[in-house]
Amino acid sequence: MKLLVRLPNWLGDAVMSTAFIDALRLTYPEAKIDIIIKKELSSIAPLIPGVNKIHVFSKKDYPGLMGAYNFGKSLKSEQYDIAFNLPSSISSASMIWATRAKKRVGFSKEGGFLLLTKVCKRPQNVHRVEEYLSILEQFTSKPAKGQVKLCVDAGLNGLVLVNFNSEAISRRMPVGKSINLINHLTAAFPNERFAFIGSPNDEDHVQQILVNAENKDRLENFAGKTDLIGLAKLMAGAKALLTTDSGPAHLANSLGAPVVALFGAGNEHNTAPYNTEKLTIIRAGKLDCEPCVRNTCELYGMPRCMKLLGEIQIINALSLYLNHHA
């Protein structure tokens, strides 16, 4: 049996979808499982256990709805028995339809129900991982369980990683709060080395923090200097990651690294890192608008929910993992 899975387009969602791959492997142990993954995320695909073949999709090479269809058509010769579509867009449904897989399964949105042989009902108020697993449950009429897991070889680097970035402004730690927090951290942990991470788009944000930070001799900057594989290896060898609600939080969690995740606008019940071992979620919870799940803060401009996070609470949470590591 040959199975195909179209993975989501965002880093955090793609990482969370590894539980679906794991559940699929347990449900069909003899099957070959291939995936479609966005080019920008493709370097983590080899880290997903149980994957046979990786199809890399580039929106630049295959633009628009017709591009998605043509990419799917290029996989027609694979003759898939079942294709699972985890995103719910019409373009991803068109891609799956064009593969001519015998059975095509996924959520319905934007007319995608016309292109699927099995339309699944999206469950409400559940974690994103459970949402993906529900596709398999509705298709097989059986419970589905899977692990969120990536595997990479890495040696210990002794770093405490810090990620104050996020694609959404409402989830990004404001510069002033970031400076205050990193100063508290370097004072509280005088023997630790801290390293900032981030994408090339985050370099300016991180640089603004570093310019005004104290104890610069114990601060390193990896923002914009690692690809996803390099970042994964950095995380796998780190003592812990202090992070906002973002893709890197899920990446570190999937690799088994200790994670302290700071939540404000996002809803941790739906999108927190899934593995609860070595995970601490912190929310200030002082505003009636939390969580708003918006990408921008419409009430305060800058995300006040992030500014209200307590430094002492963060230090105490992080110390548990640093002491455990030592």
C-alpha atoms as a PDB file:
ATOM      1  CA  MET A   1       0.000   0.000   0.000  1.00  0.00           C
ATOM      2  CA  LYS A   2       1.236   3.494  -0.853  1.00  0.00           C
ATOM      3  CA  LEU A   3       0.157   6.483   1.232  1.00  0.00           C
ATOM      4  CA  LEU A   4       0.690  10.193   0.668  1.00  0.00           C
ATOM      5  CA  VAL A   5       0.429  12.993   3.221  1.00  0.00           C
ATOM      6  CA  ARG A   6       0.346  16.690   2.362  1.00  0.00           C
ATOM      7  CA  LEU A   7       1.940  18.394   5.381  1.00  0.00           C
ATOM      8  CA  PRO A   8       0.958  21.872   6.664  1.00  0.00           C
ATOM      9  CA  ASN A   9       2.845  24.967   5.544  1.00  0.00           C
ATOM     10  CA  TRP A  10       4.005  26.428   8.874  1.00  0.00           C
ATOM     11  CA  LEU A  11       6.922  25.083  10.920  1.00  0.00           C
ATOM     12  CA  GLY A  12       4.951  24.518  14.125  1.00  0.00           C
ATOM     13  CA  ASP A  13       2.070  22.842  12.299  1.00  0.00           C
ATOM     14  CA  ALA A  14       4.431  20.673  10.257  1.00  0.00           C
ATOM     15  CA  VAL A  15       6.149  19.510  13.443  1.00  0.00           C
ATOM     16  CA  MET A  16       2.813  18.772  15.105  1.00  0.00           C
ATOM     17  CA  SER A  17       1.750  16.745  12.068  1.00  0.00           C
ATOM     18  CA  THR A  18       4.506  14.208  12.797  1.00  0.00           C
ATOM     19  CA  ALA A  19       2.069  12.608  15.242  1.00  0.00           C
ATOM     20  CA  PHE A  20      -0.203  11.917  12.264  1.00  0.00           C
ATOM     21  CA  ILE A  21       2.687  10.259  10.404  1.00  0.00           C
ATOM     22  CA  ASP A  22       3.427   8.139  13.467  1.00  0.00           C
ATOM     23  CA  ALA A  23      -0.223   7.122  13.839  1.00  0.00           C
ATOM     24  CA  LEU A  24      -0.396   6.313  10.141  1.00  0.00           C
ATOM     25  CA  ARG A  25       2.657   4.077  10.439  1.00  0.00           C
ATOM     26  CA  LEU A  26       1.062   2.234  13.370  1.00  0.00           C
ATOM     27  CA  THR A  27      -2.237   1.846  11.512  1.00  0.00           C
ATOM     28  CA  TYR A  28      -0.645   0.653   8.253  1.00  0.00           C
ATOM     29  CA  PRO A  29       2.655  -0.952   9.345  1.00  0.00           C
ATOM     30  CA  GLU A  30       3.383  -2.442   5.907  1.00  0.00           C
ATOM     31  CA  ALA A  31       2.621   0.706   3.925  1.00  0.00           C
ATOM     32  CA  LYS A  32       5.089   3.114   2.326  1.00  0.00           C
ATOM     33  CA  ILE A  33       4.425   6.646   3.529  1.00  0.00           C
ATOM     34  CA  ASP A  34       5.423   9.552   1.301  1.00  0.00           C
ATOM     35  CA  ILE A  35       4.994  13.234   2.141  1.00  0.00           C
ATOM     36  CA  ILE A  36       4.600  16.567   0.373  1.00  0.00           C
ATOM     37  CA  ILE A  37       6.325  19.398   2.219  1.00  0.00           C
ATOM     38  CA  LYS A  38       6.905  23.058   1.449  1.00  0.00           C
ATOM     39  CA  LYS A  39      10.409  23.795   0.181  1.00  0.00           C
ATOM     40  CA  GLU A  40      11.201  26.186   3.031  1.00  0.00           C
ATOM     41  CA  LEU A  41      10.578  23.383   5.559  1.00  0.00           C
ATOM     42  CA  SER A  42      11.988  20.495   3.540  1.00  0.00           C
ATOM     43  CA  SER A  43      15.261  20.222   5.468  1.00  0.00           C
ATOM     44  CA  ILE A  44      13.415  18.833   8.510  1.00  0.00           C
ATOM     45  CA  ALA A  45      11.631  16.162   6.449  1.00  0.00           C
ATOM     46  CA  PRO A  46      14.488  13.613   6.816  1.00  0.00           C
ATOM     47  CA  LEU A  47      14.148  13.997  10.595  1.00  0.00           C
ATOM     48  CA  ILE A  48      10.594  12.588  10.547  1.00  0.00           C
ATOM     49  CA  PRO A  49      10.593   8.884  11.448  1.00  0.00           C
ATOM     50  CA  GLY A  50       8.777   6.521   9.120  1.00  0.00           C
ATOM     51  CA  VAL A  51       8.864   8.562   5.917  1.00  0.00           C
ATOM     52  CA  ASN A  52       9.701   6.772   2.673  1.00  0.00           C
ATOM     53  CA  LYS A  53       9.864   9.486   0.007  1.00  0.00           C
ATOM     54  CA  ILE A  54       9.872  13.283   0.264  1.00  0.00           C
ATOM     55  CA  HIS A  55       8.198  15.425  -2.408  1.00  0.00           C
ATOM     56  CA  VAL A  56       9.278  19.071  -2.096  1.00  0.00           C
ATOM     57  CA  PHE A  57       6.738  21.644  -3.235  1.00  0.00           C
ATOM     58  CA  SER A  58       7.792  25.186  -4.138  1.00  0.00           C
ATOM     59  CA  LYS A  59       5.182  27.899  -4.605  1.00  0.00           C
ATOM     60  CA  LYS A  60       7.740  29.817  -6.628  1.00  0.00           C
ATOM     61  CA  ASP A  61       8.099  26.976  -9.117  1.00  0.00           C
ATOM     62  CA  TYR A  62       4.402  26.061  -9.007  1.00  0.00           C
ATOM     63  CA  PRO A  63       2.521  29.330  -8.383  1.00  0.00           C
ATOM     64  CA  GLY A  64      -1.191  29.653  -7.738  1.00  0.00           C
ATOM     65  CA  LEU A  65      -3.992  27.133  -7.902  1.00  0.00           C
ATOM     66  CA  MET A  66      -2.889  25.809 -11.278  1.00  0.00           C
ATOM     67  CA  GLY A  67       0.634  25.372  -9.967  1.00  0.00           C
ATOM     68  CA  ALA A  68      -0.625  23.274  -7.060  1.00  0.00           C
ATOM     69  CA  TYR A  69      -2.667  21.174  -9.487  1.00  0.00           C
ATOM     70  CA  ASN A  70       0.311  20.656 -11.811  1.00  0.00           C
ATOM     71  CA  PHE A  71       2.546  19.613  -8.938  1.00  0.00           C
ATOM     72  CA  GLY A  72      -0.024  17.065  -7.833  1.00  0.00           C
ATOM     73  CA  LYS A  73      -0.358  15.845 -11.406  1.00  0.00           C
ATOM     74  CA  SER A  74       3.392  15.221 -11.520  1.00  0.00           C
ATOM     75  CA  LEU A  75       2.880  12.604  -8.791  1.00  0.00           C
ATOM     76  CA  LYS A  76       0.150  10.735 -10.660  1.00  0.00           C
ATOM     77  CA  SER A  77       2.580   7.983 -11.715  1.00  0.00           C
ATOM     78  CA  GLU A  78       3.165   7.114  -8.035  1.00  0.00           C
ATOM     79  CA  GLN A  79      -0.317   5.548  -7.992  1.00  0.00           C
ATOM     80  CA  TYR A  80      -1.147   6.264  -4.383  1.00  0.00           C
ATOM     81  CA  ASP A  81      -3.828   4.251  -2.659  1.00  0.00           C
ATOM     82  CA  ILE A  82      -4.708   6.937  -0.103  1.00  0.00           C
ATOM     83  CA  ALA A  83      -3.756  10.616   0.046  1.00  0.00           C
ATOM     84  CA  PHE A  84      -4.299  12.618   3.243  1.00  0.00           C
ATOM     85  CA  ASN A  85      -4.556  16.397   3.056  1.00  0.00           C
ATOM     86  CA  LEU A  86      -3.745  18.056   6.397  1.00  0.00           C
ATOM     87  CA  PRO A  87      -4.089  21.703   5.270  1.00  0.00           C
ATOM     88  CA  SER A  88      -7.651  22.682   4.421  1.00  0.00           C
ATOM     89  CA  SER A  89      -7.098  25.082   1.521  1.00  0.00           C
ATOM     90  CA  ILE A  90      -8.521  24.632  -1.948  1.00  0.00           C
ATOM     91  CA  SER A  91      -5.010  24.655  -3.436  1.00  0.00           C
ATOM     92  CA  SER A  92      -3.824  21.744  -1.279  1.00  0.00           C
ATOM     93  CA  ALA A  93      -7.038  19.838  -2.043  1.00  0.00           C
ATOM     94  CA  SER A  94      -6.459  20.469  -5.758  1.00  0.00           C
ATOM     95  CA  MET A  95      -2.937  19.117  -5.408  1.00  0.00           C
ATOM     96  CA  ILE A  96      -4.186  15.939  -3.764  1.00  0.00           C
ATOM     97  CA  TRP A  97      -6.964  15.539  -6.325  1.00  0.00           C
ATOM     98  CA  ALA A  98      -4.484  15.852  -9.197  1.00  0.00           C
ATOM     99  CA  THR A  99      -2.434  12.916  -7.864  1.00  0.00           C
ATOM    100  CA  ARG A 100      -5.432  10.719  -8.708  1.00  0.00           C
ATOM    101  CA  ALA A 101      -4.984   8.774  -5.502  1.00  0.00           C
ATOM    102  CA  LYS A 102      -7.746   6.202  -5.174  1.00  0.00           C
ATOM    103  CA  LYS A 103      -8.921   7.722  -1.890  1.00  0.00           C
ATOM    104  CA  ARG A 104      -8.424  11.351  -0.915  1.00  0.00           C
ATOM    105  CA  VAL A 105      -9.087  12.351   2.687  1.00  0.00           C
ATOM    106  CA  GLY A 106      -9.116  15.668   4.523  1.00  0.00           C
ATOM    107  CA  PHE A 107     -11.049  18.627   5.896  1.00  0.00           C
ATOM    108  CA  SER A 108     -13.433  20.563   3.654  1.00  0.00           C
ATOM    109  CA  LYS A 109     -12.872  24.261   2.980  1.00  0.00           C
ATOM    110  CA  GLU A 110     -13.254  26.631   0.040  1.00  0.00           C
ATOM    111  CA  GLY A 111     -14.944  23.965  -2.087  1.00  0.00           C
ATOM    112  CA  GLY A 112     -12.363  21.302  -1.336  1.00  0.00           C
ATOM    113  CA  PHE A 113     -15.125  18.825  -0.564  1.00  0.00           C
ATOM    114  CA  LEU A 114     -15.625  18.425  -4.315  1.00  0.00           C
ATOM    115  CA  LEU A 115     -12.080  17.092  -4.655  1.00  0.00           C
ATOM    116  CA  LEU A 116     -12.025  14.624  -1.762  1.00  0.00           C
ATOM    117  CA  THR A 117     -13.513  11.141  -1.534  1.00  0.00           C
ATOM    118  CA  LYS A 118     -13.785  11.426   2.264  1.00  0.00           C
ATOM    119  CA  VAL A 119     -14.597  14.766   3.842  1.00  0.00           C
ATOM    120  CA  CYS A 120     -13.753  14.957   7.540  1.00  0.00           C
ATOM    121  CA  LYS A 121     -15.415  17.181  10.124  1.00  0.00           C
ATOM    122  CA  ARG A 122     -12.961  19.443  11.902  1.00  0.00           C
ATOM    123  CA  PRO A 123     -13.278  18.968  15.702  1.00  0.00           C
ATOM    124  CA  GLN A 124     -13.687  22.093  17.810  1.00  0.00           C
ATOM    125  CA  ASN A 125     -11.612  23.217  20.795  1.00  0.00           C
ATOM    126  CA  VAL A 126      -8.998  20.480  20.593  1.00  0.00           C
ATOM    127  CA  HIS A 127      -5.235  20.579  20.261  1.00  0.00           C
ATOM    128  CA  ARG A 128      -3.914  20.899  16.715  1.00  0.00           C
ATOM    129  CA  VAL A 129      -2.304  17.444  16.999  1.00  0.00           C
ATOM    130  CA  GLU A 130      -5.675  15.913  17.921  1.00  0.00           C
ATOM    131  CA  GLU A 131      -7.201  17.794  15.018  1.00  0.00           C
ATOM    132  CA  TYR A 132      -4.843  16.115  12.565  1.00  0.00           C
ATOM    133  CA  LEU A 133      -5.293  12.710  14.196  1.00  0.00           C
ATOM    134  CA  SER A 134      -9.061  13.063  13.861  1.00  0.00           C
ATOM    135  CA  ILE A 135      -8.678  12.802  10.073  1.00  0.00           C
ATOM    136  CA  LEU A 136      -7.292   9.298  10.461  1.00  0.00           C
ATOM    137  CA  GLU A 137      -9.876   8.433  13.114  1.00  0.00           C
ATOM    138  CA  GLN A 138     -12.759   9.490  10.905  1.00  0.00           C
ATOM    139  CA  PHE A 139     -11.330   7.583   7.953  1.00  0.00           C
ATOM    140  CA  THR A 140     -10.688   4.314   9.819  1.00  0.00           C
ATOM    141  CA  SER A 141     -13.409   4.636  12.492  1.00  0.00           C
ATOM    142  CA  LYS A 142     -10.748   3.725  15.046  1.00  0.00           C
ATOM    143  CA  PRO A 143      -8.850   5.731  17.708  1.00  0.00           C
ATOM    144  CA  ALA A 144      -5.507   7.137  16.516  1.00  0.00           C
ATOM    145  CA  LYS A 145      -2.490   7.909  18.663  1.00  0.00           C
ATOM    146  CA  GLY A 146       0.918   9.175  17.635  1.00  0.00           C
ATOM    147  CA  GLN A 147       4.039  10.882  18.918  1.00  0.00           C
ATOM    148  CA  VAL A 148       5.268  14.316  17.945  1.00  0.00           C
ATOM    149  CA  LYS A 149       8.878  13.437  17.293  1.00  0.00           C
ATOM    150  CA  LEU A 150      11.868  14.417  15.183  1.00  0.00           C
ATOM    151  CA  CYS A 151      15.259  12.714  15.376  1.00  0.00           C
ATOM    152  CA  VAL A 152      18.651  14.369  14.929  1.00  0.00           C
ATOM    153  CA  ASP A 153      22.166  13.584  16.133  1.00  0.00           C
ATOM    154  CA  ALA A 154      23.788  16.357  18.148  1.00  0.00           C
ATOM    155  CA  GLY A 155      26.329  16.735  20.923  1.00  0.00           C
ATOM    156  CA  LEU A 156      25.773  18.844  24.031  1.00  0.00           C
ATOM    157  CA  ASN A 157      26.636  22.515  23.577  1.00  0.00           C
ATOM    158  CA  GLY A 158      25.874  23.802  27.074  1.00  0.00           C
ATOM    159  CA  LEU A 159      23.724  26.690  25.813  1.00  0.00           C
ATOM    160  CA  VAL A 160      20.448  28.080  27.092  1.00  0.00           C
ATOM    161  CA  LEU A 161      18.603  29.098  23.936  1.00  0.00           C
ATOM    162  CA  VAL A 162      16.353  32.146  23.840  1.00  0.00           C
ATOM    163  CA  ASN A 163      13.685  32.874  21.236  1.00  0.00           C
ATOM    164  CA  PHE A 164      11.782  36.119  21.685  1.00  0.00           C
ATOM    165  CA  ASN A 165      10.526  36.117  18.095  1.00  0.00           C
ATOM    166  CA  SER A 166       7.305  35.060  16.400  1.00  0.00           C
ATOM    167  CA  GLU A 167       5.693  35.441  12.988  1.00  0.00           C
ATOM    168  CA  ALA A 168       2.771  37.140  14.751  1.00  0.00           C
ATOM    169  CA  ILE A 169       3.495  40.521  16.344  1.00  0.00           C
ATOM    170  CA  SER A 170       1.061  39.719  19.158  1.00  0.00           C
ATOM    171  CA  ARG A 171       3.200  36.723  20.172  1.00  0.00           C
ATOM    172  CA  ARG A 172       6.578  38.470  19.888  1.00  0.00           C
ATOM    173  CA  MET A 173       8.284  39.676  23.058  1.00  0.00           C
ATOM    174  CA  PRO A 174       8.600  43.489  22.950  1.00  0.00           C
ATOM    175  CA  VAL A 175      12.187  44.746  22.818  1.00  0.00           C
ATOM    176  CA  GLY A 176      12.068  46.554  26.159  1.00  0.00           C
ATOM    177  CA  LYS A 177      10.637  43.536  27.947  1.00  0.00           C
ATOM    178  CA  SER A 178      13.181  41.297  26.210  1.00  0.00           C
ATOM    179  CA  ILE A 179      16.099  43.401  27.430  1.00  0.00           C
ATOM    180  CA  ASN A 180      14.769  43.438  30.997  1.00  0.00           C
ATOM    181  CA  LEU A 181      14.200  39.683  30.946  1.00  0.00           C
ATOM    182  CA  ILE A 182      17.599  38.704  29.518  1.00  0.00           C
ATOM    183  CA  ASN A 183      19.294  40.958  32.081  1.00  0.00           C
ATOM    184  CA  HIS A 184      17.418  39.179  34.864  1.00  0.00           C
ATOM    185  CA  LEU A 185      18.384  35.801  33.404  1.00  0.00           C
ATOM    186  CA  THR A 186      22.104  36.502  33.095  1.00  0.00           C
ATOM    187  CA  ALA A 187      22.098  37.843  36.666  1.00  0.00           C
ATOM    188  CA  ALA A 188      20.172  34.857  38.034  1.00  0.00           C
ATOM    189  CA  PHE A 189      22.327  32.296  36.212  1.00  0.00           C
ATOM    190  CA  PRO A 190      25.892  33.700  36.258  1.00  0.00           C
ATOM    191  CA  ASN A 191      27.441  30.442  35.047  1.00  0.00           C
ATOM    192  CA  GLU A 192      25.188  29.967  32.015  1.00  0.00           C
ATOM    193  CA  ARG A 193      25.721  31.020  28.406  1.00  0.00           C
ATOM    194  CA  PHE A 194      22.653  32.253  26.554  1.00  0.00           C
ATOM    195  CA  ALA A 195      22.168  32.178  22.787  1.00  0.00           C
ATOM    196  CA  PHE A 196      19.504  33.982  20.788  1.00  0.00           C
ATOM    197  CA  ILE A 197      17.948  32.160  17.841  1.00  0.00           C
ATOM    198  CA  GLY A 198      15.761  33.368  14.987  1.00  0.00           C
ATOM    199  CA  SER A 199      15.264  33.513  11.260  1.00  0.00           C
ATOM    200  CA  PRO A 200      16.865  36.128   8.979  1.00  0.00           C
ATOM    201  CA  ASN A 201      13.667  38.175   9.454  1.00  0.00           C
ATOM    202  CA  ASP A 202      14.326  38.252  13.203  1.00  0.00           C
ATOM    203  CA  GLU A 203      17.884  39.594  13.047  1.00  0.00           C
ATOM    204  CA  ASP A 204      16.902  43.229  13.588  1.00  0.00           C
ATOM    205  CA  HIS A 205      14.687  42.375  16.570  1.00  0.00           C
ATOM    206  CA  VAL A 206      17.451  40.346  18.208  1.00  0.00           C
ATOM    207  CA  GLN A 207      20.091  42.990  17.493  1.00  0.00           C
ATOM    208  CA  GLN A 208      17.987  45.666  19.222  1.00  0.00           C
ATOM    209  CA  ILE A 209      17.942  43.461  22.317  1.00  0.00           C
ATOM    210  CA  LEU A 210      21.673  42.709  22.264  1.00  0.00           C
ATOM    211  CA  VAL A 211      22.743  46.333  21.879  1.00  0.00           C
ATOM    212  CA  ASN A 212      21.218  47.241  25.239  1.00  0.00           C
ATOM    213  CA  ALA A 213      21.709  43.950  27.097  1.00  0.00           C
ATOM    214  CA  GLU A 214      24.084  43.474  30.022  1.00  0.00           C
ATOM    215  CA  ASN A 215      26.639  40.666  30.400  1.00  0.00           C
ATOM    216  CA  LYS A 216      27.277  40.548  26.670  1.00  0.00           C
ATOM    217  CA  ASP A 217      30.240  38.224  27.176  1.00  0.00           C
ATOM    218  CA  ARG A 218      27.750  35.437  27.932  1.00  0.00           C
ATOM    219  CA  LEU A 219      25.371  36.188  25.066  1.00  0.00           C
ATOM    220  CA  GLU A 220      25.616  34.676  21.606  1.00  0.00           C
ATOM    221  CA  ASN A 221      23.585  35.430  18.510  1.00  0.00           C
ATOM    222  CA  PHE A 222      22.513  32.708  16.083  1.00  0.00           C
ATOM    223  CA  ALA A 223      19.605  34.661  14.573  1.00  0.00           C
ATOM    224  CA  GLY A 224      19.745  34.321  10.800  1.00  0.00           C
ATOM    225  CA  LYS A 225      22.866  32.146  11.010  1.00  0.00           C
ATOM    226  CA  THR A 226      21.358  28.640  11.022  1.00  0.00           C
ATOM    227  CA  ASP A 227      19.181  26.671   8.655  1.00  0.00           C
ATOM    228  CA  LEU A 228      16.488  24.410  10.118  1.00  0.00           C
ATOM    229  CA  ILE A 229      18.838  21.438  10.416  1.00  0.00           C
ATOM    230  CA  GLY A 230      21.436  23.589  12.168  1.00  0.00           C
ATOM    231  CA  LEU A 231      18.744  24.950  14.464  1.00  0.00           C
ATOM    232  CA  ALA A 232      17.501  21.438  15.257  1.00  0.00           C
ATOM    233  CA  LYS A 233      21.014  20.301  16.167  1.00  0.00           C
ATOM    234  CA  LEU A 234      21.493  23.407  18.294  1.00  0.00           C
ATOM    235  CA  MET A 235      18.253  22.656  20.152  1.00  0.00           C
ATOM    236  CA  ALA A 236      18.955  18.950  20.595  1.00  0.00           C
ATOM    237  CA  GLY A 237      22.245  19.783  22.335  1.00  0.00           C
ATOM    238  CA  ALA A 238      21.001  22.702  24.435  1.00  0.00           C
ATOM    239  CA  LYS A 239      20.244  22.747  28.151  1.00  0.00           C
ATOM    240  CA  ALA A 240      16.847  24.369  27.564  1.00  0.00           C
ATOM    241  CA  LEU A 241      14.887  26.751  25.337  1.00  0.00           C
ATOM    242  CA  LEU A 242      13.033  29.819  26.611  1.00  0.00           C
ATOM    243  CA  THR A 243      10.633  30.775  23.855  1.00  0.00           C
ATOM    244  CA  THR A 244       7.540  32.595  22.777  1.00  0.00           C
ATOM    245  CA  ASP A 245       4.599  30.775  21.173  1.00  0.00           C
ATOM    246  CA  SER A 246       6.252  29.977  17.834  1.00  0.00           C
ATOM    247  CA  GLY A 247       7.527  27.313  15.455  1.00  0.00           C
ATOM    248  CA  PRO A 248      10.865  26.907  17.294  1.00  0.00           C
ATOM    249  CA  ALA A 249       8.942  25.993  20.464  1.00  0.00           C
ATOM    250  CA  HIS A 250       7.459  22.986  18.663  1.00  0.00           C
ATOM    251  CA  LEU A 251      10.743  22.081  17.006  1.00  0.00           C
ATOM    252  CA  ALA A 252      12.622  21.945  20.318  1.00  0.00           C
ATOM    253  CA  ASN A 253       9.783  20.053  22.006  1.00  0.00           C
ATOM    254  CA  SER A 254       9.750  17.416  19.263  1.00  0.00           C
ATOM    255  CA  LEU A 255      13.487  16.864  19.780  1.00  0.00           C
ATOM    256  CA  GLY A 256      13.111  16.265  23.511  1.00  0.00           C
ATOM    257  CA  ALA A 257      14.701  19.534  24.634  1.00  0.00           C
ATOM    258  CA  PRO A 258      13.361  21.200  27.819  1.00  0.00           C
ATOM    259  CA  VAL A 259      11.083  24.083  26.835  1.00  0.00           C
ATOM    260  CA  VAL A 260       9.686  27.027  28.782  1.00  0.00           C
ATOM    261  CA  ALA A 261       7.001  28.501  26.527  1.00  0.00           C
ATOM    262  CA  LEU A 262       5.609  32.006  27.069  1.00  0.00           C
ATOM    263  CA  PHE A 263       1.990  32.504  26.018  1.00  0.00           C
ATOM    264  CA  GLY A 264      -0.082  35.629  25.532  1.00  0.00           C
ATOM    265  CA  ALA A 265      -2.257  35.959  22.437  1.00  0.00           C
ATOM    266  CA  GLY A 266      -2.054  32.277  21.486  1.00  0.00           C
ATOM    267  CA  ASN A 267      -4.249  29.601  23.041  1.00  0.00           C
ATOM    268  CA  GLU A 268      -2.031  26.985  24.700  1.00  0.00           C
ATOM    269  CA  HIS A 269      -4.909  24.487  24.762  1.00  0.00           C
ATOM    270  CA  ASN A 270      -4.838  24.391  20.955  1.00  0.00           C
ATOM    271  CA  THR A 271      -1.263  25.137  19.906  1.00  0.00           C
ATOM    272  CA  ALA A 272       1.140  24.572  22.809  1.00  0.00           C
ATOM    273  CA  PRO A 273       4.032  22.145  22.251  1.00  0.00           C
ATOM    274  CA  TYR A 274       2.406  18.719  22.497  1.00  0.00           C
ATOM    275  CA  ASN A 275       4.888  16.678  24.534  1.00  0.00           C
ATOM    276  CA  THR A 276       4.272  17.537  28.184  1.00  0.00           C
ATOM    277  CA  GLU A 277       7.487  16.028  29.545  1.00  0.00           C
ATOM    278  CA  LYS A 278      10.123  18.736  30.073  1.00  0.00           C
ATOM    279  CA  LEU A 279       7.608  21.440  29.162  1.00  0.00           C
ATOM    280  CA  THR A 280       6.467  24.456  31.181  1.00  0.00           C
ATOM    281  CA  ILE A 281       3.775  26.830  29.931  1.00  0.00           C
ATOM    282  CA  ILE A 282       3.688  30.333  31.426  1.00  0.00           C
ATOM    283  CA  ARG A 283       0.888  32.827  31.000  1.00  0.00           C
ATOM    284  CA  ALA A 284       0.382  36.090  32.897  1.00  0.00           C
ATOM    285  CA  GLY A 285      -3.403  35.721  32.725  1.00  0.00           C
ATOM    286  CA  LYS A 286      -4.002  39.269  33.950  1.00  0.00           C
ATOM    287  CA  LEU A 287      -6.062  40.540  31.003  1.00  0.00           C
ATOM    288  CA  ASP A 288      -9.652  39.705  30.084  1.00  0.00           C
ATOM    289  CA  CYS A 289      -8.639  39.565  26.424  1.00  0.00           C
ATOM    290  CA  GLU A 290      -6.267  36.599  26.926  1.00  0.00           C
ATOM    291  CA  PRO A 291      -6.042  34.633  24.724  1.00  0.00           C
ATOM    292  CA  CYS A 292      -7.279  36.647  21.777  1.00  0.00           C
ATOM    293  CA  VAL A 293      -5.554  34.396  19.153  1.00  0.00           C
ATOM    294  CA  ARG A 294      -5.076  37.467  16.948  1.00  0.00           C
ATOM    295  CA  ASN A 295      -1.841  38.158  15.075  1.00  0.00           C
ATOM    296  CA  THR A 296      -1.838  41.821  16.121  1.00  0.00           C
ATOM    297  CA  CYS A 297      -2.823  43.455  19.407  1.00  0.00           C
ATOM    298  CA  GLU A 298      -5.822  45.641  18.607  1.00  0.00           C
ATOM    299  CA  LEU A 299      -6.302  46.954  22.160  1.00  0.00           C
ATOM    300  CA  TYR A 300      -2.798  47.995  23.191  1.00  0.00           C
ATOM    301  CA  GLY A 301      -0.751  48.068  19.982  1.00  0.00           C
ATOM    302  CA  MET A 302       2.153  46.221  21.615  1.00  0.00           C
ATOM    303  CA  PRO A 303       1.177  42.903  23.242  1.00  0.00           C
ATOM    304  CA  ARG A 304       0.563  43.850  26.879  1.00  0.00           C
ATOM    305  CA  CYS A 305      -0.049  40.194  27.734  1.00  0.00           C
ATOM    306  CA  MET A 306       3.640  39.549  26.990  1.00  0.00           C
ATOM    307  CA  LYS A 307       4.813  42.604  28.954  1.00  0.00           C
ATOM    308  CA  LEU A 308       2.979  41.338  32.054  1.00  0.00           C
ATOM    309  CA  LEU A 309       4.847  38.023  32.198  1.00  0.00           C
ATOM    310  CA  GLY A 310       6.729  37.776  35.495  1.00  0.00           C
ATOM    311  CA  GLU A 311      10.526  37.580  35.431  1.00  0.00           C
ATOM    312  CA  ILE A 312      10.716  35.624  38.703  1.00  0.00           C
ATOM    313  CA  GLN A 313       8.222  33.030  37.492  1.00  0.00           C
ATOM    314  CA  ILE A 314      10.238  32.568  34.295  1.00  0.00           C
ATOM    315  CA  ILE A 315      13.510  32.279  36.195  1.00  0.00           C
ATOM    316  CA  ASN A 316      12.030  29.682  38.560  1.00  0.00           C
ATOM    317  CA  ALA A 317      10.679  27.626  35.671  1.00  0.00           C
ATOM    318  CA  LEU A 318      13.960  27.708  33.788  1.00  0.00           C
ATOM    319  CA  SER A 319      15.985  26.832  36.890  1.00  0.00           C
ATOM    320  CA  LEU A 320      14.229  23.461  37.155  1.00  0.00           C
ATOM    321  CA  TYR A 321      15.653  22.355  33.817  1.00  0.00           C
ATOM    322  CA  LEU A 322      19.076  23.899  34.327  1.00  0.00           C
ATOM    323  CA  ASN A 323      19.483  22.242  37.713  1.00  0.00           C
ATOM    324  CA  HIS A 324      18.194  18.949  36.299  1.00  0.00           C
ATOM    325  CA  HIS A 325      20.671  19.156  33.430  1.00  0.00           C
ATOM    326  CA  ALA A 326      23.550  19.894  35.793  1.00  0.00           C
END
